[in-house]
Amino acid sequence: MNLEHKIRQVRTLLDAVQADHAPVAFANSFGAEDMVLTDLIGQHYPAIEMFTLDTGRLPQETYSLMQQVENRYHIRIQLYFPESAAVEEYAAQHGPNGFYDSVELRKACCHMRKVAPLQRALRGKSAWITGLRRDQAPTRKDLAAVEFDADNGLQKISPLLDWELSDVWDYLKKFEVPYNLLHDKGYSSIGCAPCTRAITPGEDVRAGRWWWENPETKECGLHPSGRHAAAAASADSAGG
């Protein structure tokens, strides 16, 4: 299947989502996949709201890209932040980098900085859009392009689920879409600065995220699915 056909499939799905699931929002993390969707939504789908989760620990390159996106597409991206009281309590109990000490503390930090703000961002929405791809991680192989998100009570749409990484970069290059400059420094997947590193040739594309953990645990709680959902929900609950 060539790139043009894959783009048409995404457009068909986004047409249906905009028509049938309003209000709908796109959760933009400004990774390479999300920049494909940013370009399509920014040009063709003004009714789809665009937001991001500002964890307070993002790399400067991500903030620079946010500004580029707003200037290029003439849109305002809604930012959602963690609750300051929760961050202060976590730091007081575990230190500013307590997430390195255990999987439970890392998941608790992700819940505080990502999951709880996402829940606020999705209030009143009928559907949300993600840039997930099936081959990104073992935890994502069982996802569906359209599925009900029971945790948040709305439809979850992943238009690029069956795209390959080469498709993503072919799109970005063909349409000269801006992207996070950390990708040019070996970062394949970009999240919070303390939890993201560059990868070496031959490593898995998600190897730079929470690199001190087993791949089976490497989700932040935003995208639990199948047998991983119960484990993620349990860890999030334990983390408060």
Protein backbone atom coordinates (compact mmCIF):
# COMPACT_ATOMS: atom_id res chain seq x y z
CA MET A 1 0.00 0.00 0.00
CA ASN A 2 1.58 3.31 -1.04
CA LEU A 3 1.70 6.49 1.02
CA GLU A 4 -1.04 8.26 -0.94
CA HIS A 5 -3.47 5.42 -0.26
CA LYS A 6 -2.60 5.43 3.45
CA ILE A 7 -3.20 9.18 3.59
CA ARG A 8 -6.61 8.73 1.96
CA GLN A 9 -7.50 6.11 4.56
CA VAL A 10 -6.55 8.49 7.37
CA ARG A 11 -8.55 11.31 5.78
CA THR A 12 -11.59 9.04 5.44
CA LEU A 13 -11.39 8.10 9.11
CA LEU A 14 -10.89 11.71 10.23
CA ASP A 15 -13.85 12.81 8.07
CA ALA A 16 -16.04 10.28 9.87
CA VAL A 17 -14.70 11.19 13.30
CA GLN A 18 -15.28 14.91 12.78
CA ALA A 19 -18.81 14.26 11.50
CA ASP A 20 -19.93 11.57 13.93
CA HIS A 21 -18.07 12.15 17.20
CA ALA A 22 -18.03 15.86 17.87
CA PRO A 23 -16.66 17.27 20.05
CA VAL A 24 -13.38 15.51 19.33
CA ALA A 25 -9.83 16.38 20.38
CA PHE A 26 -6.35 15.38 19.25
CA ALA A 27 -3.81 14.66 22.01
CA ASN A 28 -0.61 16.00 20.47
CA SER A 29 2.73 14.96 21.98
CA PHE A 30 4.68 16.45 19.04
CA GLY A 31 6.43 13.20 18.16
CA ALA A 32 6.97 12.28 14.52
CA GLU A 33 3.65 10.41 14.24
CA ASP A 34 1.75 13.25 15.86
CA MET A 35 3.27 15.72 13.41
CA VAL A 36 1.68 13.77 10.55
CA LEU A 37 -1.70 14.18 12.23
CA THR A 38 -0.92 17.79 13.14
CA ASP A 39 -0.38 18.57 9.46
CA LEU A 40 -3.60 16.87 8.35
CA ILE A 41 -5.76 18.22 11.15
CA GLY A 42 -4.21 21.69 11.02
CA GLN A 43 -4.99 21.99 7.30
CA HIS A 44 -8.32 20.21 6.96
CA TYR A 45 -10.11 19.73 10.30
CA PRO A 46 -10.66 23.00 12.15
CA ALA A 47 -13.41 21.45 14.27
CA ILE A 48 -10.94 19.02 15.88
CA GLU A 49 -9.42 20.61 18.98
CA MET A 50 -5.68 20.16 19.49
CA PHE A 51 -4.19 19.90 22.97
CA THR A 52 -1.00 18.74 24.66
CA LEU A 53 -0.02 17.58 28.13
CA ASP A 54 2.70 19.85 29.46
CA THR A 55 4.26 17.73 32.17
CA GLY A 56 6.63 20.46 33.29
CA ARG A 57 9.63 18.29 32.32
CA LEU A 58 9.53 18.49 28.53
CA PRO A 59 12.67 19.18 26.44
CA GLN A 60 13.16 22.69 25.09
CA GLU A 61 13.01 21.27 21.55
CA THR A 62 9.41 20.22 22.18
CA TYR A 63 8.40 23.71 23.29
CA SER A 64 10.07 25.19 20.21
CA LEU A 65 8.10 22.84 17.99
CA MET A 66 4.85 23.79 19.72
CA GLN A 67 5.46 27.42 18.76
CA GLN A 68 6.30 26.44 15.18
CA VAL A 69 3.03 24.53 14.92
CA GLU A 70 0.95 27.43 16.20
CA ASN A 71 2.63 29.84 13.79
CA ARG A 72 2.45 27.54 10.76
CA TYR A 73 -1.17 26.40 11.13
CA HIS A 74 -2.56 29.53 12.79
CA ILE A 75 -4.00 27.58 15.68
CA ARG A 76 -3.82 27.80 19.45
CA ILE A 77 -2.91 24.58 21.22
CA GLN A 78 -4.55 24.04 24.59
CA LEU A 79 -2.01 23.11 27.28
CA TYR A 80 -2.93 20.99 30.30
CA PHE A 81 -0.60 20.95 33.30
CA PRO A 82 -0.33 18.69 36.35
CA GLU A 83 -1.83 19.95 39.59
CA SER A 84 0.88 21.90 41.41
CA ALA A 85 -0.12 20.49 44.81
CA ALA A 86 0.31 16.93 43.54
CA VAL A 87 3.76 17.70 42.12
CA GLU A 88 4.84 19.35 45.36
CA GLU A 89 3.63 16.39 47.43
CA TYR A 90 5.37 13.87 45.17
CA ALA A 91 8.67 15.77 45.31
CA ALA A 92 8.42 16.15 49.08
CA GLN A 93 7.91 12.41 49.55
CA HIS A 94 10.15 10.96 46.83
CA GLY A 95 12.43 13.75 45.62
CA PRO A 96 12.31 15.47 42.21
CA ASN A 97 13.58 12.35 40.42
CA GLY A 98 11.95 9.64 42.52
CA PHE A 99 10.62 8.00 39.35
CA TYR A 100 14.02 6.35 38.84
CA ASP A 101 13.64 4.37 42.09
CA SER A 102 10.87 1.94 41.06
CA VAL A 103 8.32 1.17 38.37
CA GLU A 104 5.56 2.07 40.84
CA LEU A 105 7.00 5.53 41.51
CA ARG A 106 7.58 6.10 37.79
CA LYS A 107 3.99 5.18 37.00
CA ALA A 108 2.80 7.41 39.85
CA CYS A 109 4.73 10.31 38.32
CA CYS A 110 3.24 9.59 34.89
CA HIS A 111 -0.23 9.43 36.41
CA MET A 112 0.24 12.80 38.10
CA ARG A 113 1.82 14.53 35.11
CA LYS A 114 -0.05 12.84 32.23
CA VAL A 115 -3.04 10.69 33.12
CA ALA A 116 -4.78 13.14 35.48
CA PRO A 117 -4.34 16.11 33.08
CA LEU A 118 -5.58 13.94 30.20
CA GLN A 119 -8.74 13.17 32.14
CA ARG A 120 -9.36 16.91 32.49
CA ALA A 121 -8.61 17.51 28.81
CA LEU A 122 -11.13 14.87 27.71
CA ARG A 123 -14.06 16.03 29.83
CA GLY A 124 -17.05 16.71 27.62
CA LYS A 125 -15.44 15.11 24.56
CA SER A 126 -17.00 12.27 22.55
CA ALA A 127 -13.72 11.02 21.05
CA TRP A 128 -9.99 11.60 21.17
CA ILE A 129 -7.32 11.05 18.55
CA THR A 130 -3.85 9.61 19.14
CA GLY A 131 -0.77 9.02 17.00
CA LEU A 132 -0.19 5.46 18.19
CA ARG A 133 1.29 2.88 15.85
CA ARG A 134 0.96 -0.86 16.40
CA ASP A 135 4.66 -1.66 15.97
CA GLN A 136 5.91 0.95 18.44
CA ALA A 137 5.86 -1.38 21.44
CA PRO A 138 4.67 -4.79 22.68
CA THR A 139 2.05 -2.97 24.75
CA ARG A 140 0.41 -1.58 21.58
CA LYS A 141 0.16 -4.61 19.30
CA ASP A 142 -3.44 -5.38 20.30
CA LEU A 143 -4.86 -1.89 19.87
CA ALA A 144 -7.62 -1.10 17.35
CA ALA A 145 -7.89 1.97 15.12
CA VAL A 146 -11.31 2.70 16.65
CA GLU A 147 -12.09 1.42 20.11
CA PHE A 148 -13.98 2.44 23.21
CA ASP A 149 -11.76 3.93 25.90
CA ALA A 150 -13.44 2.62 29.03
CA ASP A 151 -11.07 4.51 31.34
CA ASN A 152 -12.17 7.87 29.92
CA GLY A 153 -15.64 6.94 28.68
CA LEU A 154 -15.30 7.92 25.01
CA GLN A 155 -14.09 6.66 21.63
CA LYS A 156 -10.34 6.46 21.02
CA ILE A 157 -9.14 6.88 17.45
CA SER A 158 -5.65 5.92 16.22
CA PRO A 159 -5.55 6.72 12.48
CA LEU A 160 -1.87 5.75 12.01
CA LEU A 161 -2.08 2.43 13.80
CA ASP A 162 -0.96 0.36 10.80
CA TRP A 163 1.57 2.85 9.46
CA GLU A 164 5.24 1.90 9.51
CA LEU A 165 7.90 4.30 10.75
CA SER A 166 9.11 4.74 7.17
CA ASP A 167 5.61 5.94 6.18
CA VAL A 168 5.73 8.59 8.90
CA TRP A 169 9.06 9.97 7.75
CA ASP A 170 8.11 9.76 4.08
CA TYR A 171 5.10 11.96 4.88
CA LEU A 172 7.09 14.49 6.91
CA LYS A 173 9.71 14.83 4.19
CA LYS A 174 7.27 14.92 1.27
CA PHE A 175 5.17 17.70 2.80
CA GLU A 176 8.06 19.47 4.56
CA VAL A 177 6.39 19.18 7.95
CA PRO A 178 8.40 20.48 10.93
CA TYR A 179 9.45 17.91 13.51
CA ASN A 180 11.23 17.72 16.84
CA LEU A 181 14.94 18.36 16.31
CA LEU A 182 15.78 15.69 18.89
CA HIS A 183 14.96 13.16 16.18
CA ASP A 184 18.11 14.32 14.38
CA LYS A 185 20.10 13.51 17.53
CA GLY A 186 19.03 9.89 17.74
CA TYR A 187 15.82 10.26 19.73
CA SER A 188 13.19 8.00 18.18
CA SER A 189 10.48 8.50 20.83
CA ILE A 190 10.30 11.71 22.85
CA GLY A 191 8.63 12.28 26.19
CA CYS A 192 9.80 13.99 29.36
CA ALA A 193 13.47 14.97 29.32
CA PRO A 194 14.56 12.85 32.34
CA CYS A 195 12.87 9.74 30.94
CA THR A 196 14.01 9.96 27.32
CA ARG A 197 17.38 9.27 25.72
CA ALA A 198 18.78 8.77 22.25
CA ILE A 199 19.01 5.21 20.96
CA THR A 200 21.87 3.45 19.22
CA PRO A 201 21.64 1.67 15.84
CA GLY A 202 19.79 -1.61 16.17
CA GLU A 203 17.89 -0.70 19.34
CA ASP A 204 14.10 -0.84 19.45
CA VAL A 205 12.40 2.48 18.63
CA ARG A 206 11.03 2.70 22.18
CA ALA A 207 14.31 1.74 23.84
CA GLY A 208 14.99 5.36 24.79
CA ARG A 209 11.84 5.66 26.89
CA TRP A 210 12.22 4.55 30.55
CA TRP A 211 15.29 2.61 29.42
CA TRP A 212 15.88 1.20 32.91
CA GLU A 213 12.59 -0.79 32.80
CA ASN A 214 11.42 -4.02 31.21
CA PRO A 215 9.69 -3.36 27.83
CA GLU A 216 6.52 -5.03 29.16
CA THR A 217 6.03 -2.19 31.70
CA LYS A 218 6.95 0.74 29.46
CA GLU A 219 3.68 2.65 29.22
CA CYS A 220 2.69 5.79 31.10
CA GLY A 221 -0.94 4.83 31.70
CA LEU A 222 -2.45 6.87 28.85
CA HIS A 223 -2.85 3.82 26.61
CA PRO A 224 -3.56 0.64 28.61
CA SER A 225 -4.80 -2.22 26.47
CA GLY A 226 -5.59 -5.91 26.91
CA ARG A 227 -3.59 -7.69 29.56
CA HIS A 228 -1.48 -4.57 30.07
CA ALA A 229 -4.52 -2.51 31.01
CA ALA A 230 -5.09 -4.25 34.29
CA ALA A 231 -1.45 -3.90 35.29
CA ALA A 232 -1.37 -0.24 34.34
CA ALA A 233 -4.61 0.51 36.14
CA SER A 234 -3.32 -1.29 39.25
CA ALA A 235 -0.06 0.67 39.22
CA ASP A 236 -1.84 3.98 38.63
CA SER A 237 -4.17 3.28 41.53
CA ALA A 238 -1.24 2.43 43.81
CA GLY A 239 0.48 5.64 42.76
CA GLY A 240 -2.49 7.82 43.63
